[in-house]
Structure formats: structure tokens, C-alpha cells
């Protein structure tokens, strides 16, 4: 069972919390009906993402076997057979398609789009520099759209924009890990052939600046302040700026080779900034009015 949970990448499920964003920022967490729908949507995306991870492991089995870290993945290491892995993948895909159809036909279309997009990504598109990280970012946008369609909440353009930029930022930083390994003589995946450290570090600097500026504009936007019924939103900038600074410190100074998900799950400083941001935003949205 442990190997199957590892194959499904359960630790990556944290990415799917983005489905809650439309409901959270629209101050509708008290709406039990919508909250239940979004919770089921979260599980649908967890199942869908697990099926894609298995598919990706199947396509990359030869490259993973030569990777210092990914060689321990269940299919690459042989702890789970290719046949059993593919059977589980097909079962998970069928399950998430059926469950999403039962929840909402619009959600079914979003999940369907997510699976097709990631199939194309896993098979071909991840080898095209810049396009690969854009597809990752679109996956996060689809999560927000999924949460939106089941709760009938129109997501703010600010939320979509900042999510897209943040996903690009995390996607590029993940590429940096493989570039570092390649420069140290490790045989890693072909999808880093269009990248080098100078290019990646430049993009990370640009994206981090854009994210901070966009978030500041979000906080001082009159319509957003009206929505929050407060002009204290600017305080949340402290958590966002320092969270990004900490992440950049881990990437550039500590030369961390952990994935963005593992960094978030293991770094106490980033966890504190995320918790502080959530508590402040929750207070402004739900307890101040």
C-alpha cells in the first residue's frame, strides 16, 4: 500500500487546495452546500492528478531510472509493475470522470480538459521550454475554474493573474533543480535542454518582482478594499514578500534541490508566512464584517 500511495503522489495533493480559492475569496465558506461541492471537487482533482502522475512515470520510466532521486519512484524502481501501475491509472481516470460528472457537467469538462492537457504535456509538450511551465500554470488555473463552476462564484481577475504568475514561478524553480543536477554531471530529463541557470535565475528574479507588484496593486485596489470592507489588506503584503524572499533564499543561497511542494511542507518559515497570511485574510473576510 505504501508504494501505491507513493505512486499516486499523495503529498502533491496540497496543490489542489486552489479549488477552494473562489469560495474563500468570495466570503462564502459558510455556504455549506457550496463548500461540500468544492470539497468533492478537491478529491476529484486529487484523483485526476494521481492518474496523471502515474501516466507521467510510465512515459518517463527510462529517464527516471537514471535520475538520482526519481529512480526510487515505484514504477522506475520496479516495486510496482508497469501493468499494475497502468491499471491503477485507468481506474483513477474513470473514477474522477464519473465523480465529476455526478457533481457537475461543467466540472466534468474541466477535469476532462485537465487530463487531456496533461496527457499532451507528459507525452510531448514538456520537452518544449517555456511552454512546459505555462501548461503547469494552466493546470492551476483549471483548479480555480473547477472551484468556480461548482460554487457559481466568478473568480477575480486578480486571483487568476496572481495564481498564474505564482505557478510559473514554482514551475521554473522546479526546472532549476534538474539544471543543477545536470551541471553536476547527473543524467536527468530531456525537458531541461532549453534551460540553463542564467536563464532560469533571470526569470525567477523577474517573476518574483512581478508577483509582488501585482499583489501590492491587488491590496490597494479600491474595488478589492471595498470587497474586504477594510483598508488593512496591505498588511498581508508582509507575508507575501517575506514568503517569496525565503523561497528565493532556499533556491539561490541554500541551493535546495527539493521540489516546491516539499519546500512548503518542510520549511517552517514558509509555513508560518502562509499561516499568517491565511489568518489575516480570514479575519478580514469573515470576522471583521
C-alpha atoms as a PDB file:
ATOM      1  CA  UNK A   1       0.000   0.000   0.000  1.00  0.00           C
ATOM      2  CA  UNK A   2       2.865   2.372   0.818  1.00  0.00           C
ATOM      3  CA  UNK A   3       4.272   2.011  -2.691  1.00  0.00           C
ATOM      4  CA  UNK A   4       0.873   2.692  -4.271  1.00  0.00           C
ATOM      5  CA  UNK A   5       0.429   5.852  -2.187  1.00  0.00           C
ATOM      6  CA  UNK A   6       3.900   6.897  -3.258  1.00  0.00           C
ATOM      7  CA  UNK A   7       2.975   6.192  -6.883  1.00  0.00           C
ATOM      8  CA  UNK A   8      -0.132   8.366  -6.513  1.00  0.00           C
ATOM      9  CA  UNK A   9       1.993  11.228  -5.055  1.00  0.00           C
ATOM     10  CA  UNK A  10      -0.361  11.910  -2.157  1.00  0.00           C
ATOM     11  CA  UNK A  11       1.971  14.621  -0.850  1.00  0.00           C
ATOM     12  CA  UNK A  12       1.260  16.612  -4.027  1.00  0.00           C
ATOM     13  CA  UNK A  13      -2.435  16.932  -3.157  1.00  0.00           C
ATOM     14  CA  UNK A  14      -1.644  20.234  -1.456  1.00  0.00           C
ATOM     15  CA  UNK A  15      -1.675  21.800  -4.942  1.00  0.00           C
ATOM     16  CA  UNK A  16      -5.373  21.066  -5.247  1.00  0.00           C
ATOM     17  CA  UNK A  17      -6.345  23.445  -2.416  1.00  0.00           C
ATOM     18  CA  UNK A  18      -6.541  26.083  -5.160  1.00  0.00           C
ATOM     19  CA  UNK A  19     -10.058  24.801  -5.903  1.00  0.00           C
ATOM     20  CA  UNK A  20     -11.128  26.490  -2.649  1.00  0.00           C
ATOM     21  CA  UNK A  21      -9.843  29.914  -3.734  1.00  0.00           C
ATOM     22  CA  UNK A  22     -13.045  31.255  -5.409  1.00  0.00           C
ATOM     23  CA  UNK A  23     -15.199  30.268  -2.433  1.00  0.00           C
ATOM     24  CA  UNK A  24     -12.701  31.593   0.115  1.00  0.00           C
ATOM     25  CA  UNK A  25     -12.162  34.988  -1.501  1.00  0.00           C
ATOM     26  CA  UNK A  26     -15.885  35.461  -2.128  1.00  0.00           C
ATOM     27  CA  UNK A  27     -16.555  35.081   1.627  1.00  0.00           C
ATOM     28  CA  UNK A  28     -18.729  32.002   1.075  1.00  0.00           C
ATOM     29  CA  UNK A  29     -17.063  29.403   3.281  1.00  0.00           C
ATOM     30  CA  UNK A  30     -20.190  29.464   5.452  1.00  0.00           C
ATOM     31  CA  UNK A  31     -22.241  28.303   2.467  1.00  0.00           C
ATOM     32  CA  UNK A  32     -22.330  24.605   3.376  1.00  0.00           C
ATOM     33  CA  UNK A  33     -23.829  23.416   0.074  1.00  0.00           C
ATOM     34  CA  UNK A  34     -21.119  25.074  -1.990  1.00  0.00           C
ATOM     35  CA  UNK A  35     -18.403  24.073   0.461  1.00  0.00           C
ATOM     36  CA  UNK A  36     -19.391  20.403   0.191  1.00  0.00           C
ATOM     37  CA  UNK A  37     -19.310  20.634  -3.609  1.00  0.00           C
ATOM     38  CA  UNK A  38     -15.851  22.192  -3.545  1.00  0.00           C
ATOM     39  CA  UNK A  39     -14.597  19.517  -1.122  1.00  0.00           C
ATOM     40  CA  UNK A  40     -15.747  16.829  -3.554  1.00  0.00           C
ATOM     41  CA  UNK A  41     -14.113  18.818  -6.354  1.00  0.00           C
ATOM     42  CA  UNK A  42     -10.873  18.785  -4.370  1.00  0.00           C
ATOM     43  CA  UNK A  43     -10.985  14.983  -4.180  1.00  0.00           C
ATOM     44  CA  UNK A  44     -11.789  14.759  -7.896  1.00  0.00           C
ATOM     45  CA  UNK A  45      -8.667  16.756  -8.688  1.00  0.00           C
ATOM     46  CA  UNK A  46      -6.620  14.637  -6.278  1.00  0.00           C
ATOM     47  CA  UNK A  47      -7.691  11.502  -8.115  1.00  0.00           C
ATOM     48  CA  UNK A  48      -7.152  13.115 -11.521  1.00  0.00           C
ATOM     49  CA  UNK A  49      -3.685  14.393 -10.604  1.00  0.00           C
ATOM     50  CA  UNK A  50      -2.690  10.951  -9.267  1.00  0.00           C
ATOM     51  CA  UNK A  51      -3.667   9.349 -12.569  1.00  0.00           C
ATOM     52  CA  UNK A  52      -1.538  11.889 -14.440  1.00  0.00           C
ATOM     53  CA  UNK A  53       1.454  11.298 -12.157  1.00  0.00           C
ATOM     54  CA  UNK A  54       1.254   7.582 -12.940  1.00  0.00           C
ATOM     55  CA  UNK A  55       0.975   8.306 -16.661  1.00  0.00           C
ATOM     56  CA  UNK A  56       3.973  10.618 -16.454  1.00  0.00           C
ATOM     57  CA  UNK A  57       6.000   7.960 -14.605  1.00  0.00           C
ATOM     58  CA  UNK A  58       5.153   5.483 -17.345  1.00  0.00           C
ATOM     59  CA  UNK A  59       6.313   7.818 -20.114  1.00  0.00           C
ATOM     60  CA  UNK A  60       9.480   8.751 -18.192  1.00  0.00           C
ATOM     61  CA  UNK A  61      10.412   5.337 -16.852  1.00  0.00           C
ATOM     62  CA  UNK A  62      13.772   5.163 -18.653  1.00  0.00           C
ATOM     63  CA  UNK A  63      14.797   8.701 -17.709  1.00  0.00           C
ATOM     64  CA  UNK A  64      13.649   8.218 -14.126  1.00  0.00           C
ATOM     65  CA  UNK A  65      15.867   5.159 -13.768  1.00  0.00           C
ATOM     66  CA  UNK A  66      18.897   7.388 -14.453  1.00  0.00           C
ATOM     67  CA  UNK A  67      17.774  10.152 -12.086  1.00  0.00           C
ATOM     68  CA  UNK A  68      19.383  10.250  -8.598  1.00  0.00           C
ATOM     69  CA  UNK A  69      16.048  10.909  -6.858  1.00  0.00           C
ATOM     70  CA  UNK A  70      13.323   9.799  -9.272  1.00  0.00           C
ATOM     71  CA  UNK A  71      14.895   6.355  -9.683  1.00  0.00           C
ATOM     72  CA  UNK A  72      13.221   5.464  -6.359  1.00  0.00           C
ATOM     73  CA  UNK A  73       9.746   6.010  -7.772  1.00  0.00           C
ATOM     74  CA  UNK A  74       7.697   2.770  -7.666  1.00  0.00           C
ATOM     75  CA  UNK A  75       7.500   2.096 -11.419  1.00  0.00           C
ATOM     76  CA  UNK A  76      11.094   3.142 -12.140  1.00  0.00           C
ATOM     77  CA  UNK A  77      12.426   1.052  -9.256  1.00  0.00           C
ATOM     78  CA  UNK A  78      10.257  -1.952 -10.141  1.00  0.00           C
ATOM     79  CA  UNK A  79       8.427  -2.057  -6.800  1.00  0.00           C
ATOM     80  CA  UNK A  80       5.189  -1.742  -8.796  1.00  0.00           C
ATOM     81  CA  UNK A  81       4.882  -3.366 -12.211  1.00  0.00           C
ATOM     82  CA  UNK A  82       4.063  -1.307 -15.290  1.00  0.00           C
ATOM     83  CA  UNK A  83       0.871  -3.326 -15.780  1.00  0.00           C
ATOM     84  CA  UNK A  84      -0.398  -2.685 -12.250  1.00  0.00           C
ATOM     85  CA  UNK A  85       0.528   0.979 -12.497  1.00  0.00           C
ATOM     86  CA  UNK A  86      -1.382   1.436 -15.753  1.00  0.00           C
ATOM     87  CA  UNK A  87      -4.418  -0.439 -14.383  1.00  0.00           C
ATOM     88  CA  UNK A  88      -4.488   1.886 -11.385  1.00  0.00           C
ATOM     89  CA  UNK A  89      -4.137   4.910 -13.685  1.00  0.00           C
ATOM     90  CA  UNK A  90      -7.107   3.853 -15.831  1.00  0.00           C
ATOM     91  CA  UNK A  91      -9.205   3.143 -12.741  1.00  0.00           C
ATOM     92  CA  UNK A  92      -8.426   6.572 -11.248  1.00  0.00           C
ATOM     93  CA  UNK A  93      -9.189   8.341 -14.539  1.00  0.00           C
ATOM     94  CA  UNK A  94     -12.521   6.544 -14.863  1.00  0.00           C
ATOM     95  CA  UNK A  95     -13.355   7.274 -11.222  1.00  0.00           C
ATOM     96  CA  UNK A  96     -12.634  11.013 -11.419  1.00  0.00           C
ATOM     97  CA  UNK A  97     -14.542  11.363 -14.700  1.00  0.00           C
ATOM     98  CA  UNK A  98     -17.579   9.589 -13.248  1.00  0.00           C
ATOM     99  CA  UNK A  99     -17.453  11.502  -9.953  1.00  0.00           C
ATOM    100  CA  UNK A 100     -17.040  14.883 -11.655  1.00  0.00           C
ATOM    101  CA  UNK A 101     -19.975  14.156 -13.997  1.00  0.00           C
ATOM    102  CA  UNK A 102     -22.162  13.355 -10.986  1.00  0.00           C
ATOM    103  CA  UNK A 103     -21.172  16.635  -9.291  1.00  0.00           C
ATOM    104  CA  UNK A 104     -21.425  18.971 -12.281  1.00  0.00           C
ATOM    105  CA  UNK A 105     -21.245  18.674 -16.050  1.00  0.00           C
ATOM    106  CA  UNK A 106     -19.115  21.809 -16.106  1.00  0.00           C
ATOM    107  CA  UNK A 107     -16.710  20.209 -13.620  1.00  0.00           C
ATOM    108  CA  UNK A 108     -16.560  17.136 -15.858  1.00  0.00           C
ATOM    109  CA  UNK A 109     -15.433  19.355 -18.734  1.00  0.00           C
ATOM    110  CA  UNK A 110     -12.759  20.992 -16.584  1.00  0.00           C
ATOM    111  CA  UNK A 111     -11.422  17.629 -15.353  1.00  0.00           C
ATOM    112  CA  UNK A 112     -11.572  16.286 -18.907  1.00  0.00           C
ATOM    113  CA  UNK A 113      -9.583  19.285 -20.154  1.00  0.00           C
ATOM    114  CA  UNK A 114      -7.066  18.845 -17.328  1.00  0.00           C
ATOM    115  CA  UNK A 115      -6.465  15.182 -18.206  1.00  0.00           C
ATOM    116  CA  UNK A 116      -6.117  15.835 -21.951  1.00  0.00           C
ATOM    117  CA  UNK A 117      -3.796  18.792 -21.385  1.00  0.00           C
ATOM    118  CA  UNK A 118      -1.577  16.794 -19.053  1.00  0.00           C
ATOM    119  CA  UNK A 119      -1.530  13.791 -21.363  1.00  0.00           C
ATOM    120  CA  UNK A 120      -0.191  16.063 -24.106  1.00  0.00           C
ATOM    121  CA  UNK A 121       2.235  17.562 -21.601  1.00  0.00           C
ATOM    122  CA  UNK A 122       3.528  14.194 -20.386  1.00  0.00           C
ATOM    123  CA  UNK A 123       3.915  12.774 -23.886  1.00  0.00           C
ATOM    124  CA  UNK A 124       5.243  15.740 -25.902  1.00  0.00           C
ATOM    125  CA  UNK A 125       4.831  19.299 -24.630  1.00  0.00           C
ATOM    126  CA  UNK A 126       7.028  19.102 -21.533  1.00  0.00           C
ATOM    127  CA  UNK A 127      10.039  18.956 -23.842  1.00  0.00           C
ATOM    128  CA  UNK A 128       9.321  22.449 -25.177  1.00  0.00           C
ATOM    129  CA  UNK A 129      10.958  25.095 -22.997  1.00  0.00           C
ATOM    130  CA  UNK A 130       8.673  27.837 -21.622  1.00  0.00           C
ATOM    131  CA  UNK A 131       5.578  26.070 -22.994  1.00  0.00           C
ATOM    132  CA  UNK A 132       6.100  23.355 -20.384  1.00  0.00           C
ATOM    133  CA  UNK A 133       5.862  25.699 -17.388  1.00  0.00           C
ATOM    134  CA  UNK A 134       2.910  27.511 -18.964  1.00  0.00           C
ATOM    135  CA  UNK A 135       1.000  24.230 -19.092  1.00  0.00           C
ATOM    136  CA  UNK A 136       1.773  23.701 -15.404  1.00  0.00           C
ATOM    137  CA  UNK A 137       0.399  27.185 -14.710  1.00  0.00           C
ATOM    138  CA  UNK A 138      -2.743  26.486 -16.744  1.00  0.00           C
ATOM    139  CA  UNK A 139      -3.294  23.414 -14.579  1.00  0.00           C
ATOM    140  CA  UNK A 140      -3.547  25.672 -11.532  1.00  0.00           C
ATOM    141  CA  UNK A 141      -5.935  27.994 -13.361  1.00  0.00           C
ATOM    142  CA  UNK A 142      -8.123  24.965 -14.170  1.00  0.00           C
ATOM    143  CA  UNK A 143      -8.247  24.160 -10.455  1.00  0.00           C
ATOM    144  CA  UNK A 144      -9.591  27.632  -9.726  1.00  0.00           C
ATOM    145  CA  UNK A 145     -12.095  27.348 -12.575  1.00  0.00           C
ATOM    146  CA  UNK A 146     -13.228  23.991 -11.187  1.00  0.00           C
ATOM    147  CA  UNK A 147     -13.895  25.526  -7.780  1.00  0.00           C
ATOM    148  CA  UNK A 148     -15.691  28.367  -9.521  1.00  0.00           C
ATOM    149  CA  UNK A 149     -18.075  26.323 -11.657  1.00  0.00           C
ATOM    150  CA  UNK A 150     -19.309  24.153  -8.788  1.00  0.00           C
ATOM    151  CA  UNK A 151     -19.879  27.104  -6.465  1.00  0.00           C
ATOM    152  CA  UNK A 152     -21.203  29.599  -9.050  1.00  0.00           C
ATOM    153  CA  UNK A 153     -18.579  32.124  -7.980  1.00  0.00           C
ATOM    154  CA  UNK A 154     -16.836  34.217 -10.615  1.00  0.00           C
ATOM    155  CA  UNK A 155     -13.130  34.327  -9.696  1.00  0.00           C
ATOM    156  CA  UNK A 156     -11.458  37.714  -9.523  1.00  0.00           C
ATOM    157  CA  UNK A 157      -9.103  38.557 -12.389  1.00  0.00           C
ATOM    158  CA  UNK A 158      -6.536  39.325  -9.700  1.00  0.00           C
ATOM    159  CA  UNK A 159      -6.739  35.789  -8.295  1.00  0.00           C
ATOM    160  CA  UNK A 160      -6.356  34.255 -11.748  1.00  0.00           C
ATOM    161  CA  UNK A 161      -3.422  36.513 -12.631  1.00  0.00           C
ATOM    162  CA  UNK A 162      -1.505  36.024  -9.375  1.00  0.00           C
ATOM    163  CA  UNK A 163      -2.132  32.271  -9.437  1.00  0.00           C
ATOM    164  CA  UNK A 164      -0.813  32.056 -12.999  1.00  0.00           C
ATOM    165  CA  UNK A 165       2.326  34.030 -12.118  1.00  0.00           C
ATOM    166  CA  UNK A 166       2.934  32.087  -8.906  1.00  0.00           C
ATOM    167  CA  UNK A 167       2.551  28.767 -10.738  1.00  0.00           C
ATOM    168  CA  UNK A 168       5.035  29.933 -13.382  1.00  0.00           C
ATOM    169  CA  UNK A 169       7.426  30.913 -10.594  1.00  0.00           C
ATOM    170  CA  UNK A 170       7.193  27.492  -8.923  1.00  0.00           C
ATOM    171  CA  UNK A 171       7.398  25.664 -12.257  1.00  0.00           C
ATOM    172  CA  UNK A 172      10.573  27.484 -13.258  1.00  0.00           C
ATOM    173  CA  UNK A 173      12.140  26.876  -9.841  1.00  0.00           C
ATOM    174  CA  UNK A 174      11.422  23.159 -10.267  1.00  0.00           C
ATOM    175  CA  UNK A 175      13.301  23.231 -13.582  1.00  0.00           C
ATOM    176  CA  UNK A 176      16.226  24.784 -11.737  1.00  0.00           C
ATOM    177  CA  UNK A 177      16.592  21.610  -9.662  1.00  0.00           C
ATOM    178  CA  UNK A 178      17.151  19.451 -12.737  1.00  0.00           C
ATOM    179  CA  UNK A 179      19.523  22.010 -14.291  1.00  0.00           C
ATOM    180  CA  UNK A 180      21.633  21.919 -11.113  1.00  0.00           C
ATOM    181  CA  UNK A 181      21.739  18.133 -11.227  1.00  0.00           C
ATOM    182  CA  UNK A 182      22.676  18.191 -14.915  1.00  0.00           C
ATOM    183  CA  UNK A 183      25.507  20.657 -14.289  1.00  0.00           C
ATOM    184  CA  UNK A 184      26.790  18.318 -11.576  1.00  0.00           C
ATOM    185  CA  UNK A 185      27.058  15.520 -14.124  1.00  0.00           C
ATOM    186  CA  UNK A 186      23.769  13.775 -13.389  1.00  0.00           C
ATOM    187  CA  UNK A 187      21.769  12.297 -16.254  1.00  0.00           C
ATOM    188  CA  UNK A 188      18.340  13.919 -15.941  1.00  0.00           C
ATOM    189  CA  UNK A 189      15.315  14.545 -18.135  1.00  0.00           C
ATOM    190  CA  UNK A 190      15.414  15.999 -21.613  1.00  0.00           C
ATOM    191  CA  UNK A 191      12.930  18.745 -20.711  1.00  0.00           C
ATOM    192  CA  UNK A 192      15.751  20.901 -19.321  1.00  0.00           C
ATOM    193  CA  UNK A 193      17.613  21.142 -22.628  1.00  0.00           C
ATOM    194  CA  UNK A 194      16.078  24.561 -23.288  1.00  0.00           C
ATOM    195  CA  UNK A 195      17.166  25.948 -19.913  1.00  0.00           C
ATOM    196  CA  UNK A 196      20.335  26.990 -18.101  1.00  0.00           C
ATOM    197  CA  UNK A 197      20.937  28.568 -14.695  1.00  0.00           C
ATOM    198  CA  UNK A 198      21.404  32.103 -16.008  1.00  0.00           C
ATOM    199  CA  UNK A 199      18.109  31.977 -17.904  1.00  0.00           C
ATOM    200  CA  UNK A 200      16.205  30.397 -15.011  1.00  0.00           C
ATOM    201  CA  UNK A 201      17.641  32.731 -12.359  1.00  0.00           C
ATOM    202  CA  UNK A 202      16.773  35.744 -14.512  1.00  0.00           C
ATOM    203  CA  UNK A 203      13.187  34.555 -14.942  1.00  0.00           C
ATOM    204  CA  UNK A 204      12.845  33.845 -11.217  1.00  0.00           C
ATOM    205  CA  UNK A 205      14.004  37.376 -10.426  1.00  0.00           C
ATOM    206  CA  UNK A 206      11.568  38.878 -12.932  1.00  0.00           C
ATOM    207  CA  UNK A 207       8.621  36.736 -11.845  1.00  0.00           C
ATOM    208  CA  UNK A 208       9.165  37.344  -8.127  1.00  0.00           C
ATOM    209  CA  UNK A 209       9.174  41.100  -8.790  1.00  0.00           C
ATOM    210  CA  UNK A 210       6.022  40.930 -10.918  1.00  0.00           C
ATOM    211  CA  UNK A 211       4.202  38.801  -8.332  1.00  0.00           C
ATOM    212  CA  UNK A 212       4.992  41.249  -5.536  1.00  0.00           C
ATOM    213  CA  UNK A 213       3.953  44.276  -7.628  1.00  0.00           C
ATOM    214  CA  UNK A 214       0.709  42.580  -8.735  1.00  0.00           C
ATOM    215  CA  UNK A 215      -0.117  41.640  -5.168  1.00  0.00           C
ATOM    216  CA  UNK A 216       0.504  45.210  -3.982  1.00  0.00           C
ATOM    217  CA  UNK A 217      -1.833  46.530  -6.687  1.00  0.00           C
ATOM    218  CA  UNK A 218      -4.386  43.917  -5.604  1.00  0.00           C
ATOM    219  CA  UNK A 219      -4.181  45.115  -1.999  1.00  0.00           C
ATOM    220  CA  UNK A 220      -4.557  48.814  -2.819  1.00  0.00           C
ATOM    221  CA  UNK A 221      -7.230  48.356  -5.492  1.00  0.00           C
ATOM    222  CA  UNK A 222     -10.349  50.343  -4.438  1.00  0.00           C
ATOM    223  CA  UNK A 223     -12.789  47.615  -5.505  1.00  0.00           C
ATOM    224  CA  UNK A 224     -10.846  44.985  -3.564  1.00  0.00           C
ATOM    225  CA  UNK A 225     -10.737  47.156  -0.438  1.00  0.00           C
ATOM    226  CA  UNK A 226     -14.480  47.659  -0.822  1.00  0.00           C
ATOM    227  CA  UNK A 227     -14.961  43.895  -1.048  1.00  0.00           C
ATOM    228  CA  UNK A 228     -12.964  43.359   2.145  1.00  0.00           C
ATOM    229  CA  UNK A 229     -14.605  46.370   3.838  1.00  0.00           C
ATOM    230  CA  UNK A 230     -11.147  47.285   5.083  1.00  0.00           C
ATOM    231  CA  UNK A 231      -8.017  49.191   4.159  1.00  0.00           C
ATOM    232  CA  UNK A 232      -5.866  46.831   6.233  1.00  0.00           C
ATOM    233  CA  UNK A 233      -5.283  44.406   3.378  1.00  0.00           C
ATOM    234  CA  UNK A 234      -1.868  45.977   2.795  1.00  0.00           C
ATOM    235  CA  UNK A 235      -0.662  44.189   5.966  1.00  0.00           C
ATOM    236  CA  UNK A 236      -0.799  40.876   4.093  1.00  0.00           C
ATOM    237  CA  UNK A 237       1.973  42.164   1.797  1.00  0.00           C
ATOM    238  CA  UNK A 238       4.418  41.472   4.643  1.00  0.00           C
ATOM    239  CA  UNK A 239       3.681  37.730   4.498  1.00  0.00           C
ATOM    240  CA  UNK A 240       3.768  37.527   0.704  1.00  0.00           C
ATOM    241  CA  UNK A 241       7.045  39.427   0.321  1.00  0.00           C
ATOM    242  CA  UNK A 242       8.836  37.526   3.063  1.00  0.00           C
ATOM    243  CA  UNK A 243       7.495  34.181   1.851  1.00  0.00           C
ATOM    244  CA  UNK A 244       8.919  34.851  -1.612  1.00  0.00           C
ATOM    245  CA  UNK A 245      12.202  36.109  -0.140  1.00  0.00           C
ATOM    246  CA  UNK A 246      12.511  32.943   1.937  1.00  0.00           C
ATOM    247  CA  UNK A 247      11.816  30.757  -1.087  1.00  0.00           C
ATOM    248  CA  UNK A 248      14.442  32.614  -3.141  1.00  0.00           C
ATOM    249  CA  UNK A 249      16.903  32.221  -0.282  1.00  0.00           C
ATOM    250  CA  UNK A 250      16.362  28.455  -0.271  1.00  0.00           C
ATOM    251  CA  UNK A 251      16.795  28.322  -4.053  1.00  0.00           C
ATOM    252  CA  UNK A 252      19.785  30.639  -4.505  1.00  0.00           C
ATOM    253  CA  UNK A 253      21.667  30.525  -1.208  1.00  0.00           C
ATOM    254  CA  UNK A 254      20.928  27.034   0.094  1.00  0.00           C
ATOM    255  CA  UNK A 255      20.813  25.571  -3.443  1.00  0.00           C
ATOM    256  CA  UNK A 256      17.835  23.450  -2.413  1.00  0.00           C
ATOM    257  CA  UNK A 257      17.044  20.562  -4.753  1.00  0.00           C
ATOM    258  CA  UNK A 258      13.666  19.886  -3.166  1.00  0.00           C
ATOM    259  CA  UNK A 259      10.502  20.332  -5.220  1.00  0.00           C
ATOM    260  CA  UNK A 260       8.324  23.382  -4.393  1.00  0.00           C
ATOM    261  CA  UNK A 261       5.805  21.094  -2.685  1.00  0.00           C
ATOM    262  CA  UNK A 262       8.434  19.573  -0.381  1.00  0.00           C
ATOM    263  CA  UNK A 263       9.779  23.020   0.447  1.00  0.00           C
ATOM    264  CA  UNK A 264       6.319  24.190   1.505  1.00  0.00           C
ATOM    265  CA  UNK A 265       5.727  21.014   3.515  1.00  0.00           C
ATOM    266  CA  UNK A 266       9.109  21.105   5.269  1.00  0.00           C
ATOM    267  CA  UNK A 267      10.186  24.731   5.682  1.00  0.00           C
ATOM    268  CA  UNK A 268       8.901  26.246   8.931  1.00  0.00           C
ATOM    269  CA  UNK A 269       9.482  29.844   7.847  1.00  0.00           C
ATOM    270  CA  UNK A 270       7.322  29.483   4.725  1.00  0.00           C
ATOM    271  CA  UNK A 271       4.660  27.613   6.712  1.00  0.00           C
ATOM    272  CA  UNK A 272       4.496  30.496   9.193  1.00  0.00           C
ATOM    273  CA  UNK A 273       4.136  33.093   6.414  1.00  0.00           C
ATOM    274  CA  UNK A 274       1.357  31.057   4.776  1.00  0.00           C
ATOM    275  CA  UNK A 275      -0.434  30.594   8.106  1.00  0.00           C
ATOM    276  CA  UNK A 276      -0.077  34.285   8.967  1.00  0.00           C
ATOM    277  CA  UNK A 277      -1.436  35.271   5.553  1.00  0.00           C
ATOM    278  CA  UNK A 278      -4.384  32.872   5.876  1.00  0.00           C
ATOM    279  CA  UNK A 279      -5.263  34.089   9.380  1.00  0.00           C
ATOM    280  CA  UNK A 280      -5.168  37.746   8.326  1.00  0.00           C
ATOM    281  CA  UNK A 281      -7.203  37.162   5.167  1.00  0.00           C
ATOM    282  CA  UNK A 282      -9.722  35.041   7.098  1.00  0.00           C
ATOM    283  CA  UNK A 283     -10.087  37.776   9.700  1.00  0.00           C
ATOM    284  CA  UNK A 284     -10.691  40.445   7.054  1.00  0.00           C
ATOM    285  CA  UNK A 285     -13.119  38.315   5.047  1.00  0.00           C
ATOM    286  CA  UNK A 286     -15.087  36.536   7.758  1.00  0.00           C
ATOM    287  CA  UNK A 287     -14.661  38.124  11.182  1.00  0.00           C
ATOM    288  CA  UNK A 288     -14.340  41.850  10.564  1.00  0.00           C
ATOM    289  CA  UNK A 289     -17.671  42.401   8.814  1.00  0.00           C
END
